[in-house]
């Protein structure tokens, strides 16, 4: 069973934290992120890249509390531009991450 770090609430990041905890503690998803080469691109906020970094960090710091700074900063940047509520954007980020992971897994497994 995977056991990672707890996540600090950085102000309106409860939903984001729960999404990150689910991704970190779902073995097939975590396995893809842990075993793949660095994923994602060089976009200003690449959700897949920062999620891969987060999962690695969370599993390396078991029993501690870490802050999901890269995700929170990226979402806040998007929130400022769009004027939308961050919880809705966290859901969109989850969908984007899952789509990216699925396509990556398909490419990696042939």
PDB file of N, CA and C in Angstrom:
ATOM      1  N   UNK A   1       0.834  -1.180   0.000  1.00  0.00           N
ATOM      2  CA  UNK A   1       0.000   0.000   0.000  1.00  0.00           C
ATOM      3  C   UNK A   1       0.882   1.249   0.000  1.00  0.00           C
ATOM      4  N   UNK A   2       0.540   2.195  -0.851  1.00  0.00           N
ATOM      5  CA  UNK A   2       1.284   3.444  -0.921  1.00  0.00           C
ATOM      6  C   UNK A   2       0.932   4.334   0.260  1.00  0.00           C
ATOM      7  N   UNK A   3       1.955   4.960   0.805  1.00  0.00           N
ATOM      8  CA  UNK A   3       1.715   5.937   1.862  1.00  0.00           C
ATOM      9  C   UNK A   3       2.578   7.145   1.565  1.00  0.00           C
ATOM     10  N   UNK A   4       1.929   8.269   1.356  1.00  0.00           N
ATOM     11  CA  UNK A   4       2.662   9.481   1.035  1.00  0.00           C
ATOM     12  C   UNK A   4       2.512  10.525   2.114  1.00  0.00           C
ATOM     13  N   UNK A   5       2.962  11.698   1.786  1.00  0.00           N
ATOM     14  CA  UNK A   5       2.905  12.821   2.711  1.00  0.00           C
ATOM     15  C   UNK A   5       1.495  13.389   2.791  1.00  0.00           C
ATOM     16  N   UNK A   6       1.213  14.076   3.879  1.00  0.00           N
ATOM     17  CA  UNK A   6      -0.002  14.860   3.987  1.00  0.00           C
ATOM     18  C   UNK A   6       0.204  16.167   3.246  1.00  0.00           C
ATOM     19  N   UNK A   7      -0.883  16.854   2.934  1.00  0.00           N
ATOM     20  CA  UNK A   7      -0.773  18.093   2.170  1.00  0.00           C
ATOM     21  C   UNK A   7      -1.267  19.288   2.975  1.00  0.00           C
ATOM     22  N   UNK A   8      -0.492  20.336   2.942  1.00  0.00           N
ATOM     23  CA  UNK A   8      -0.838  21.584   3.613  1.00  0.00           C
ATOM     24  C   UNK A   8      -1.901  22.322   2.797  1.00  0.00           C
ATOM     25  N   UNK A   9      -2.878  22.898   3.481  1.00  0.00           N
ATOM     26  CA  UNK A   9      -3.876  23.721   2.802  1.00  0.00           C
ATOM     27  C   UNK A   9      -3.280  25.109   2.614  1.00  0.00           C
ATOM     28  N   UNK A  10      -3.192  25.531   1.371  1.00  0.00           N
ATOM     29  CA  UNK A  10      -2.573  26.814   1.044  1.00  0.00           C
ATOM     30  C   UNK A  10      -3.613  27.900   0.778  1.00  0.00           C
ATOM     31  N   UNK A  11      -4.808  27.704   1.295  1.00  0.00           N
ATOM     32  CA  UNK A  11      -5.883  28.666   1.070  1.00  0.00           C
ATOM     33  C   UNK A  11      -6.691  28.277  -0.152  1.00  0.00           C
ATOM     34  N   UNK A  12      -7.844  27.705   0.059  1.00  0.00           N
ATOM     35  CA  UNK A  12      -8.741  27.255  -1.007  1.00  0.00           C
ATOM     36  C   UNK A  12      -8.121  26.140  -1.853  1.00  0.00           C
ATOM     37  N   UNK A  13      -7.318  25.287  -1.218  1.00  0.00           N
ATOM     38  CA  UNK A  13      -6.727  24.169  -1.962  1.00  0.00           C
ATOM     39  C   UNK A  13      -7.245  22.816  -1.487  1.00  0.00           C
ATOM     40  N   UNK A  14      -8.330  22.790  -0.719  1.00  0.00           N
ATOM     41  CA  UNK A  14      -8.857  21.524  -0.195  1.00  0.00           C
ATOM     42  C   UNK A  14      -9.191  20.545  -1.317  1.00  0.00           C
ATOM     43  N   UNK A  15      -9.925  21.016  -2.330  1.00  0.00           N
ATOM     44  CA  UNK A  15     -10.309  20.127  -3.423  1.00  0.00           C
ATOM     45  C   UNK A  15      -9.071  19.676  -4.199  1.00  0.00           C
ATOM     46  N   UNK A  16      -8.187  20.603  -4.480  1.00  0.00           N
ATOM     47  CA  UNK A  16      -6.945  20.273  -5.171  1.00  0.00           C
ATOM     48  C   UNK A  16      -6.157  19.230  -4.374  1.00  0.00           C
ATOM     49  N   UNK A  17      -6.056  19.411  -3.063  1.00  0.00           N
ATOM     50  CA  UNK A  17      -5.332  18.455  -2.223  1.00  0.00           C
ATOM     51  C   UNK A  17      -5.946  17.062  -2.299  1.00  0.00           C
ATOM     52  N   UNK A  18      -7.273  16.988  -2.305  1.00  0.00           N
ATOM     53  CA  UNK A  18      -7.912  15.670  -2.374  1.00  0.00           C
ATOM     54  C   UNK A  18      -7.647  15.013  -3.729  1.00  0.00           C
ATOM     55  N   UNK A  19      -7.643  15.805  -4.801  1.00  0.00           N
ATOM     56  CA  UNK A  19      -7.323  15.270  -6.130  1.00  0.00           C
ATOM     57  C   UNK A  19      -5.898  14.726  -6.138  1.00  0.00           C
ATOM     58  N   UNK A  20      -4.964  15.493  -5.589  1.00  0.00           N
ATOM     59  CA  UNK A  20      -3.561  15.061  -5.560  1.00  0.00           C
ATOM     60  C   UNK A  20      -3.376  13.814  -4.699  1.00  0.00           C
ATOM     61  N   UNK A  21      -4.099  13.733  -3.582  1.00  0.00           N
ATOM     62  CA  UNK A  21      -4.006  12.542  -2.733  1.00  0.00           C
ATOM     63  C   UNK A  21      -4.528  11.312  -3.477  1.00  0.00           C
ATOM     64  N   UNK A  22      -5.629  11.472  -4.198  1.00  0.00           N
ATOM     65  CA  UNK A  22      -6.164  10.344  -4.978  1.00  0.00           C
ATOM     66  C   UNK A  22      -5.168   9.885  -6.033  1.00  0.00           C
ATOM     67  N   UNK A  23      -4.570  10.809  -6.750  1.00  0.00           N
ATOM     68  CA  UNK A  23      -3.592  10.441  -7.779  1.00  0.00           C
ATOM     69  C   UNK A  23      -2.363   9.775  -7.166  1.00  0.00           C
ATOM     70  N   UNK A  24      -1.906  10.307  -6.045  1.00  0.00           N
ATOM     71  CA  UNK A  24      -0.712   9.763  -5.388  1.00  0.00           C
ATOM     72  C   UNK A  24      -0.947   8.358  -4.866  1.00  0.00           C
ATOM     73  N   UNK A  25      -2.157   8.076  -4.389  1.00  0.00           N
ATOM     74  CA  UNK A  25      -2.440   6.802  -3.734  1.00  0.00           C
ATOM     75  C   UNK A  25      -3.216   5.807  -4.595  1.00  0.00           C
ATOM     76  N   UNK A  26      -3.304   6.051  -5.881  1.00  0.00           N
ATOM     77  CA  UNK A  26      -3.882   5.085  -6.813  1.00  0.00           C
ATOM     78  C   UNK A  26      -2.717   4.365  -7.477  1.00  0.00           C
ATOM     79  N   UNK A  27      -2.434   3.120  -7.063  1.00  0.00           N
ATOM     80  CA  UNK A  27      -1.208   2.446  -7.497  1.00  0.00           C
ATOM     81  C   UNK A  27      -0.904   2.480  -9.001  1.00  0.00           C
ATOM     82  N   UNK A  28      -1.863   2.175  -9.909  1.00  0.00           N
ATOM     83  CA  UNK A  28      -1.498   2.206 -11.329  1.00  0.00           C
ATOM     84  C   UNK A  28      -1.083   3.601 -11.817  1.00  0.00           C
ATOM     85  N   UNK A  29      -1.750   4.626 -11.314  1.00  0.00           N
ATOM     86  CA  UNK A  29      -1.407   5.986 -11.722  1.00  0.00           C
ATOM     87  C   UNK A  29      -0.057   6.398 -11.148  1.00  0.00           C
ATOM     88  N   UNK A  30       0.140   6.115  -9.871  1.00  0.00           N
ATOM     89  CA  UNK A  30       1.413   6.458  -9.239  1.00  0.00           C
ATOM     90  C   UNK A  30       2.567   5.711  -9.899  1.00  0.00           C
ATOM     91  N   UNK A  31       2.339   4.457 -10.262  1.00  0.00           N
ATOM     92  CA  UNK A  31       3.388   3.659 -10.904  1.00  0.00           C
ATOM     93  C   UNK A  31       3.829   4.275 -12.231  1.00  0.00           C
ATOM     94  N   UNK A  32       2.862   4.727 -13.023  1.00  0.00           N
ATOM     95  CA  UNK A  32       3.201   5.379 -14.293  1.00  0.00           C
ATOM     96  C   UNK A  32       4.057   6.613 -14.034  1.00  0.00           C
ATOM     97  N   UNK A  33       3.656   7.416 -13.055  1.00  0.00           N
ATOM     98  CA  UNK A  33       4.385   8.642 -12.773  1.00  0.00           C
ATOM     99  C   UNK A  33       5.768   8.383 -12.194  1.00  0.00           C
ATOM    100  N   UNK A  34       5.891   7.344 -11.383  1.00  0.00           N
ATOM    101  CA  UNK A  34       7.182   7.038 -10.768  1.00  0.00           C
ATOM    102  C   UNK A  34       8.168   6.411 -11.744  1.00  0.00           C
ATOM    103  N   UNK A  35       7.671   5.630 -12.675  1.00  0.00           N
ATOM    104  CA  UNK A  35       8.556   4.872 -13.555  1.00  0.00           C
ATOM    105  C   UNK A  35       8.818   5.511 -14.908  1.00  0.00           C
ATOM    106  N   UNK A  36       8.094   6.555 -15.237  1.00  0.00           N
ATOM    107  CA  UNK A  36       8.258   7.190 -16.548  1.00  0.00           C
ATOM    108  C   UNK A  36       9.394   8.207 -16.515  1.00  0.00           C
ATOM    109  N   UNK A  37       9.918   8.464 -17.692  1.00  0.00           N
ATOM    110  CA  UNK A  37      10.875   9.570 -17.811  1.00  0.00           C
ATOM    111  C   UNK A  37      10.115  10.844 -17.452  1.00  0.00           C
ATOM    112  N   UNK A  38      10.803  11.973 -17.251  1.00  0.00           N
ATOM    113  CA  UNK A  38      10.070  13.200 -16.945  1.00  0.00           C
ATOM    114  C   UNK A  38       9.005  13.483 -18.002  1.00  0.00           C
ATOM    115  N   UNK A  39       7.789  13.678 -17.541  1.00  0.00           N
ATOM    116  CA  UNK A  39       6.650  13.854 -18.434  1.00  0.00           C
ATOM    117  C   UNK A  39       6.305  15.325 -18.605  1.00  0.00           C
ATOM    118  N   UNK A  40       5.460  15.594 -19.575  1.00  0.00           N
ATOM    119  CA  UNK A  40       4.949  16.932 -19.788  1.00  0.00           C
ATOM    120  C   UNK A  40       5.868  17.752 -20.671  1.00  0.00           C
ATOM    121  N   UNK A  41       5.498  18.987 -20.800  1.00  0.00           N
ATOM    122  CA  UNK A  41       6.242  19.884 -21.672  1.00  0.00           C
ATOM    123  C   UNK A  41       6.820  21.047 -20.904  1.00  0.00           C
ATOM    124  N   UNK A  42       7.074  22.104 -21.625  1.00  0.00           N
ATOM    125  CA  UNK A  42       7.680  23.280 -21.009  1.00  0.00           C
ATOM    126  C   UNK A  42       6.681  24.421 -20.875  1.00  0.00           C
ATOM    127  N   UNK A  43       5.398  24.105 -20.896  1.00  0.00           N
ATOM    128  CA  UNK A  43       4.365  25.137 -20.754  1.00  0.00           C
ATOM    129  C   UNK A  43       4.503  25.807 -19.394  1.00  0.00           C
ATOM    130  N   UNK A  44       3.976  27.009 -19.302  1.00  0.00           N
ATOM    131  CA  UNK A  44       4.050  27.766 -18.052  1.00  0.00           C
ATOM    132  C   UNK A  44       3.514  26.934 -16.880  1.00  0.00           C
ATOM    133  N   UNK A  45       2.367  26.289 -17.073  1.00  0.00           N
ATOM    134  CA  UNK A  45       1.815  25.382 -16.056  1.00  0.00           C
ATOM    135  C   UNK A  45       1.451  24.083 -16.742  1.00  0.00           C
ATOM    136  N   UNK A  46       2.315  23.113 -16.639  1.00  0.00           N
ATOM    137  CA  UNK A  46       2.075  21.806 -17.232  1.00  0.00           C
ATOM    138  C   UNK A  46       1.616  20.880 -16.111  1.00  0.00           C
ATOM    139  N   UNK A  47       0.314  20.597 -16.071  1.00  0.00           N
ATOM    140  CA  UNK A  47      -0.286  19.839 -14.973  1.00  0.00           C
ATOM    141  C   UNK A  47       0.323  18.453 -14.827  1.00  0.00           C
ATOM    142  N   UNK A  48       0.625  17.791 -15.937  1.00  0.00           N
ATOM    143  CA  UNK A  48       1.192  16.444 -15.852  1.00  0.00           C
ATOM    144  C   UNK A  48       2.600  16.487 -15.258  1.00  0.00           C
ATOM    145  N   UNK A  49       3.413  17.432 -15.706  1.00  0.00           N
ATOM    146  CA  UNK A  49       4.794  17.541 -15.209  1.00  0.00           C
ATOM    147  C   UNK A  49       4.803  17.824 -13.711  1.00  0.00           C
ATOM    148  N   UNK A  50       4.000  18.797 -13.253  1.00  0.00           N
ATOM    149  CA  UNK A  50       4.025  19.126 -11.829  1.00  0.00           C
ATOM    150  C   UNK A  50       3.382  18.021 -10.986  1.00  0.00           C
ATOM    151  N   UNK A  51       2.441  17.277 -11.558  1.00  0.00           N
ATOM    152  CA  UNK A  51       1.860  16.147 -10.824  1.00  0.00           C
ATOM    153  C   UNK A  51       2.880  15.039 -10.661  1.00  0.00           C
ATOM    154  N   UNK A  52       3.644  14.756 -11.702  1.00  0.00           N
ATOM    155  CA  UNK A  52       4.697  13.749 -11.584  1.00  0.00           C
ATOM    156  C   UNK A  52       5.693  14.164 -10.491  1.00  0.00           C
ATOM    157  N   UNK A  53       6.107  15.410 -10.493  1.00  0.00           N
ATOM    158  CA  UNK A  53       7.031  15.903  -9.465  1.00  0.00           C
ATOM    159  C   UNK A  53       6.405  15.787  -8.075  1.00  0.00           C
ATOM    160  N   UNK A  54       5.110  16.102  -7.988  1.00  0.00           N
ATOM    161  CA  UNK A  54       4.421  16.031  -6.701  1.00  0.00           C
ATOM    162  C   UNK A  54       4.357  14.598  -6.169  1.00  0.00           C
ATOM    163  N   UNK A  55       3.980  13.649  -7.019  1.00  0.00           N
ATOM    164  CA  UNK A  55       3.857  12.253  -6.574  1.00  0.00           C
ATOM    165  C   UNK A  55       5.206  11.733  -6.084  1.00  0.00           C
ATOM    166  N   UNK A  56       6.254  12.013  -6.816  1.00  0.00           N
ATOM    167  CA  UNK A  56       7.597  11.575  -6.395  1.00  0.00           C
ATOM    168  C   UNK A  56       7.934  12.176  -5.034  1.00  0.00           C
ATOM    169  N   UNK A  57       7.713  13.470  -4.890  1.00  0.00           N
ATOM    170  CA  UNK A  57       8.026  14.157  -3.636  1.00  0.00           C
ATOM    171  C   UNK A  57       7.165  13.638  -2.479  1.00  0.00           C
ATOM    172  N   UNK A  58       5.865  13.440  -2.738  1.00  0.00           N
ATOM    173  CA  UNK A  58       4.956  12.976  -1.680  1.00  0.00           C
ATOM    174  C   UNK A  58       5.353  11.588  -1.179  1.00  0.00           C
ATOM    175  N   UNK A  59       5.749  10.716  -2.098  1.00  0.00           N
ATOM    176  CA  UNK A  59       6.120   9.357  -1.680  1.00  0.00           C
ATOM    177  C   UNK A  59       7.503   9.306  -1.041  1.00  0.00           C
ATOM    178  N   UNK A  60       8.329  10.287  -1.315  1.00  0.00           N
ATOM    179  CA  UNK A  60       9.645  10.359  -0.669  1.00  0.00           C
ATOM    180  C   UNK A  60       9.547  10.929   0.747  1.00  0.00           C
ATOM    181  N   UNK A  61       8.480  11.648   1.049  1.00  0.00           N
ATOM    182  CA  UNK A  61       8.330  12.314   2.346  1.00  0.00           C
ATOM    183  C   UNK A  61       7.170  11.728   3.145  1.00  0.00           C
ATOM    184  N   UNK A  62       7.108  10.413   3.206  1.00  0.00           N
ATOM    185  CA  UNK A  62       6.043   9.724   3.944  1.00  0.00           C
ATOM    186  C   UNK A  62       5.973  10.219   5.388  1.00  0.00           C
ATOM    187  N   UNK A  63       4.738  10.434   5.843  1.00  0.00           N
ATOM    188  CA  UNK A  63       4.529  10.825   7.225  1.00  0.00           C
ATOM    189  C   UNK A  63       4.773  12.299   7.502  1.00  0.00           C
ATOM    190  N   UNK A  64       5.184  13.058   6.526  1.00  0.00           N
ATOM    191  CA  UNK A  64       5.401  14.501   6.691  1.00  0.00           C
ATOM    192  C   UNK A  64       4.267  15.264   6.023  1.00  0.00           C
ATOM    193  N   UNK A  65       4.291  16.559   6.175  1.00  0.00           N
ATOM    194  CA  UNK A  65       3.331  17.425   5.499  1.00  0.00           C
ATOM    195  C   UNK A  65       4.102  18.259   4.482  1.00  0.00           C
ATOM    196  N   UNK A  66       3.626  18.244   3.237  1.00  0.00           N
ATOM    197  CA  UNK A  66       4.257  19.042   2.188  1.00  0.00           C
ATOM    198  C   UNK A  66       3.218  19.993   1.595  1.00  0.00           C
ATOM    199  N   UNK A  67       3.697  21.012   0.935  1.00  0.00           N
ATOM    200  CA  UNK A  67       2.795  21.996   0.327  1.00  0.00           C
ATOM    201  C   UNK A  67       2.764  21.784  -1.184  1.00  0.00           C
ATOM    202  N   UNK A  68       1.572  21.695  -1.773  1.00  0.00           N
ATOM    203  CA  UNK A  68       1.464  21.529  -3.222  1.00  0.00           C
ATOM    204  C   UNK A  68       1.632  22.876  -3.946  1.00  0.00           C
ATOM    205  N   UNK A  69       2.787  23.491  -3.763  1.00  0.00           N
ATOM    206  CA  UNK A  69       3.012  24.860  -4.245  1.00  0.00           C
ATOM    207  C   UNK A  69       2.885  25.014  -5.751  1.00  0.00           C
ATOM    208  N   UNK A  70       3.478  24.083  -6.523  1.00  0.00           N
ATOM    209  CA  UNK A  70       3.442  24.233  -7.977  1.00  0.00           C
ATOM    210  C   UNK A  70       2.022  24.188  -8.521  1.00  0.00           C
ATOM    211  N   UNK A  71       1.213  23.268  -7.990  1.00  0.00           N
ATOM    212  CA  UNK A  71      -0.188  23.194  -8.419  1.00  0.00           C
ATOM    213  C   UNK A  71      -0.957  24.453  -8.007  1.00  0.00           C
ATOM    214  N   UNK A  72      -0.771  24.872  -6.760  1.00  0.00           N
ATOM    215  CA  UNK A  72      -1.506  26.037  -6.257  1.00  0.00           C
ATOM    216  C   UNK A  72      -1.135  27.292  -7.051  1.00  0.00           C
ATOM    217  N   UNK A  73       0.152  27.484  -7.301  1.00  0.00           N
ATOM    218  CA  UNK A  73       0.583  28.664  -8.073  1.00  0.00           C
ATOM    219  C   UNK A  73       0.030  28.615  -9.491  1.00  0.00           C
ATOM    220  N   UNK A  74       0.081  27.448 -10.116  1.00  0.00           N
ATOM    221  CA  UNK A  74      -0.433  27.299 -11.474  1.00  0.00           C
ATOM    222  C   UNK A  74      -1.923  27.578 -11.548  1.00  0.00           C
ATOM    223  N   UNK A  75      -2.684  27.049 -10.593  1.00  0.00           N
ATOM    224  CA  UNK A  75      -4.128  27.280 -10.584  1.00  0.00           C
ATOM    225  C   UNK A  75      -4.462  28.741 -10.302  1.00  0.00           C
ATOM    226  N   UNK A  76      -3.710  29.347  -9.406  1.00  0.00           N
ATOM    227  CA  UNK A  76      -3.973  30.761  -9.109  1.00  0.00           C
ATOM    228  C   UNK A  76      -3.708  31.629 -10.330  1.00  0.00           C
ATOM    229  N   UNK A  77      -2.673  31.285 -11.089  1.00  0.00           N
ATOM    230  CA  UNK A  77      -2.376  32.029 -12.314  1.00  0.00           C
ATOM    231  C   UNK A  77      -3.539  31.899 -13.292  1.00  0.00           C
ATOM    232  N   UNK A  78      -4.036  30.670 -13.456  1.00  0.00           N
ATOM    233  CA  UNK A  78      -5.157  30.426 -14.363  1.00  0.00           C
ATOM    234  C   UNK A  78      -6.410  31.123 -13.845  1.00  0.00           C
ATOM    235  N   UNK A  79      -6.653  31.090 -12.535  1.00  0.00           N
ATOM    236  CA  UNK A  79      -7.833  31.734 -11.944  1.00  0.00           C
ATOM    237  C   UNK A  79      -7.819  33.230 -12.217  1.00  0.00           C
ATOM    238  N   UNK A  80      -6.669  33.852 -12.064  1.00  0.00           N
ATOM    239  CA  UNK A  80      -6.582  35.292 -12.300  1.00  0.00           C
ATOM    240  C   UNK A  80      -6.914  35.639 -13.740  1.00  0.00           C
ATOM    241  N   UNK A  81      -6.445  34.800 -14.658  1.00  0.00           N
ATOM    242  CA  UNK A  81      -6.689  35.070 -16.077  1.00  0.00           C
ATOM    243  C   UNK A  81      -8.141  34.846 -16.454  1.00  0.00           C
ATOM    244  N   UNK A  82      -8.734  33.786 -15.924  1.00  0.00           N
ATOM    245  CA  UNK A  82     -10.080  33.431 -16.355  1.00  0.00           C
ATOM    246  C   UNK A  82     -11.166  34.023 -15.466  1.00  0.00           C
ATOM    247  N   UNK A  83     -10.819  34.363 -14.221  1.00  0.00           N
ATOM    248  CA  UNK A  83     -11.808  34.889 -13.292  1.00  0.00           C
ATOM    249  C   UNK A  83     -12.754  33.823 -12.762  1.00  0.00           C
ATOM    250  N   UNK A  84     -12.452  32.544 -12.991  1.00  0.00           N
ATOM    251  CA  UNK A  84     -13.316  31.455 -12.529  1.00  0.00           C
ATOM    252  C   UNK A  84     -12.875  30.966 -11.163  1.00  0.00           C
ATOM    253  N   UNK A  85     -13.788  30.261 -10.522  1.00  0.00           N
ATOM    254  CA  UNK A  85     -13.517  29.716  -9.202  1.00  0.00           C
ATOM    255  C   UNK A  85     -12.512  28.570  -9.281  1.00  0.00           C
ATOM    256  N   UNK A  86     -11.541  28.563  -8.393  1.00  0.00           N
ATOM    257  CA  UNK A  86     -10.443  27.597  -8.441  1.00  0.00           C
ATOM    258  C   UNK A  86     -10.880  26.141  -8.293  1.00  0.00           C
ATOM    259  N   UNK A  87     -11.949  25.868  -7.560  1.00  0.00           N
ATOM    260  CA  UNK A  87     -12.395  24.485  -7.401  1.00  0.00           C
ATOM    261  C   UNK A  87     -12.777  23.887  -8.750  1.00  0.00           C
ATOM    262  N   UNK A  88     -13.432  24.658  -9.582  1.00  0.00           N
ATOM    263  CA  UNK A  88     -13.793  24.171 -10.911  1.00  0.00           C
ATOM    264  C   UNK A  88     -12.544  23.924 -11.748  1.00  0.00           C
ATOM    265  N   UNK A  89     -11.557  24.787 -11.599  1.00  0.00           N
ATOM    266  CA  UNK A  89     -10.321  24.600 -12.350  1.00  0.00           C
ATOM    267  C   UNK A  89      -9.554  23.377 -11.860  1.00  0.00           C
ATOM    268  N   UNK A  90      -9.613  23.088 -10.579  1.00  0.00           N
ATOM    269  CA  UNK A  90      -8.947  21.888 -10.057  1.00  0.00           C
ATOM    270  C   UNK A  90      -9.538  20.647 -10.714  1.00  0.00           C
ATOM    271  N   UNK A  91     -10.846  20.645 -10.925  1.00  0.00           N
ATOM    272  CA  UNK A  91     -11.495  19.515 -11.604  1.00  0.00           C
ATOM    273  C   UNK A  91     -10.996  19.399 -13.046  1.00  0.00           C
ATOM    274  N   UNK A  92     -10.853  20.541 -13.721  1.00  0.00           N
ATOM    275  CA  UNK A  92     -10.337  20.522 -15.090  1.00  0.00           C
ATOM    276  C   UNK A  92      -8.900  20.023 -15.124  1.00  0.00           C
ATOM    277  N   UNK A  93      -8.121  20.421 -14.140  1.00  0.00           N
ATOM    278  CA  UNK A  93      -6.734  19.949 -14.067  1.00  0.00           C
ATOM    279  C   UNK A  93      -6.717  18.440 -13.884  1.00  0.00           C
ATOM    280  N   UNK A  94      -7.595  17.911 -13.031  1.00  0.00           N
ATOM    281  CA  UNK A  94      -7.668  16.465 -12.833  1.00  0.00           C
ATOM    282  C   UNK A  94      -7.965  15.762 -14.152  1.00  0.00           C
ATOM    283  N   UNK A  95      -8.936  16.266 -14.893  1.00  0.00           N
ATOM    284  CA  UNK A  95      -9.268  15.651 -16.183  1.00  0.00           C
ATOM    285  C   UNK A  95      -8.077  15.686 -17.127  1.00  0.00           C
ATOM    286  N   UNK A  96      -7.385  16.811 -17.178  1.00  0.00           N
ATOM    287  CA  UNK A  96      -6.222  16.945 -18.058  1.00  0.00           C
ATOM    288  C   UNK A  96      -5.116  15.967 -17.660  1.00  0.00           C
ATOM    289  N   UNK A  97      -4.885  15.834 -16.360  1.00  0.00           N
ATOM    290  CA  UNK A  97      -3.853  14.914 -15.870  1.00  0.00           C
ATOM    291  C   UNK A  97      -4.217  13.482 -16.228  1.00  0.00           C
ATOM    292  N   UNK A  98      -5.465  13.095 -15.983  1.00  0.00           N
ATOM    293  CA  UNK A  98      -5.883  11.724 -16.283  1.00  0.00           C
ATOM    294  C   UNK A  98      -5.796  11.418 -17.773  1.00  0.00           C
ATOM    295  N   UNK A  99      -6.199  12.361 -18.615  1.00  0.00           N
ATOM    296  CA  UNK A  99      -6.072  12.155 -20.066  1.00  0.00           C
ATOM    297  C   UNK A  99      -4.613  11.992 -20.464  1.00  0.00           C
ATOM    298  N   UNK A 100      -3.762  12.839 -19.918  1.00  0.00           N
ATOM    299  CA  UNK A 100      -2.331  12.777 -20.231  1.00  0.00           C
ATOM    300  C   UNK A 100      -1.738  11.453 -19.758  1.00  0.00           C
ATOM    301  N   UNK A 101      -2.129  11.017 -18.560  1.00  0.00           N
ATOM    302  CA  UNK A 101      -1.604   9.756 -18.051  1.00  0.00           C
ATOM    303  C   UNK A 101      -2.065   8.581 -18.899  1.00  0.00           C
ATOM    304  N   UNK A 102      -3.312   8.606 -19.314  1.00  0.00           N
ATOM    305  CA  UNK A 102      -3.817   7.512 -20.164  1.00  0.00           C
ATOM    306  C   UNK A 102      -3.053   7.444 -21.463  1.00  0.00           C
ATOM    307  N   UNK A 103      -2.851   8.575 -22.118  1.00  0.00           N
ATOM    308  CA  UNK A 103      -2.128   8.552 -23.389  1.00  0.00           C
ATOM    309  C   UNK A 103      -0.687   8.159 -23.184  1.00  0.00           C
ATOM    310  N   UNK A 104      -0.091   8.607 -22.085  1.00  0.00           N
ATOM    311  CA  UNK A 104       1.287   8.223 -21.783  1.00  0.00           C
ATOM    312  C   UNK A 104       1.397   6.727 -21.524  1.00  0.00           C
ATOM    313  N   UNK A 105       0.462   6.183 -20.762  1.00  0.00           N
ATOM    314  CA  UNK A 105       0.491   4.753 -20.457  1.00  0.00           C
ATOM    315  C   UNK A 105       0.348   3.937 -21.724  1.00  0.00           C
ATOM    316  N   UNK A 106      -0.520   4.377 -22.635  1.00  0.00           N
ATOM    317  CA  UNK A 106      -0.686   3.654 -23.894  1.00  0.00           C
ATOM    318  C   UNK A 106       0.592   3.680 -24.729  1.00  0.00           C
ATOM    319  N   UNK A 107       1.269   4.814 -24.744  1.00  0.00           N
ATOM    320  CA  UNK A 107       2.516   4.921 -25.506  1.00  0.00           C
ATOM    321  C   UNK A 107       3.614   4.080 -24.873  1.00  0.00           C
ATOM    322  N   UNK A 108       3.671   4.111 -23.524  1.00  0.00           N
ATOM    323  CA  UNK A 108       4.740   3.409 -22.810  1.00  0.00           C
ATOM    324  C   UNK A 108       4.588   1.889 -22.898  1.00  0.00           C
ATOM    325  N   UNK A 109       3.346   1.405 -22.954  1.00  0.00           N
ATOM    326  CA  UNK A 109       3.129  -0.039 -22.961  1.00  0.00           C
ATOM    327  C   UNK A 109       3.022  -0.590 -24.376  1.00  0.00           C
ATOM    328  N   UNK A 110       3.053   0.276 -25.353  1.00  0.00           N
ATOM    329  CA  UNK A 110       3.073  -0.177 -26.736  1.00  0.00           C
ATOM    330  C   UNK A 110       1.714  -0.348 -27.294  1.00  0.00           C
TER     331      UNK A 110
END
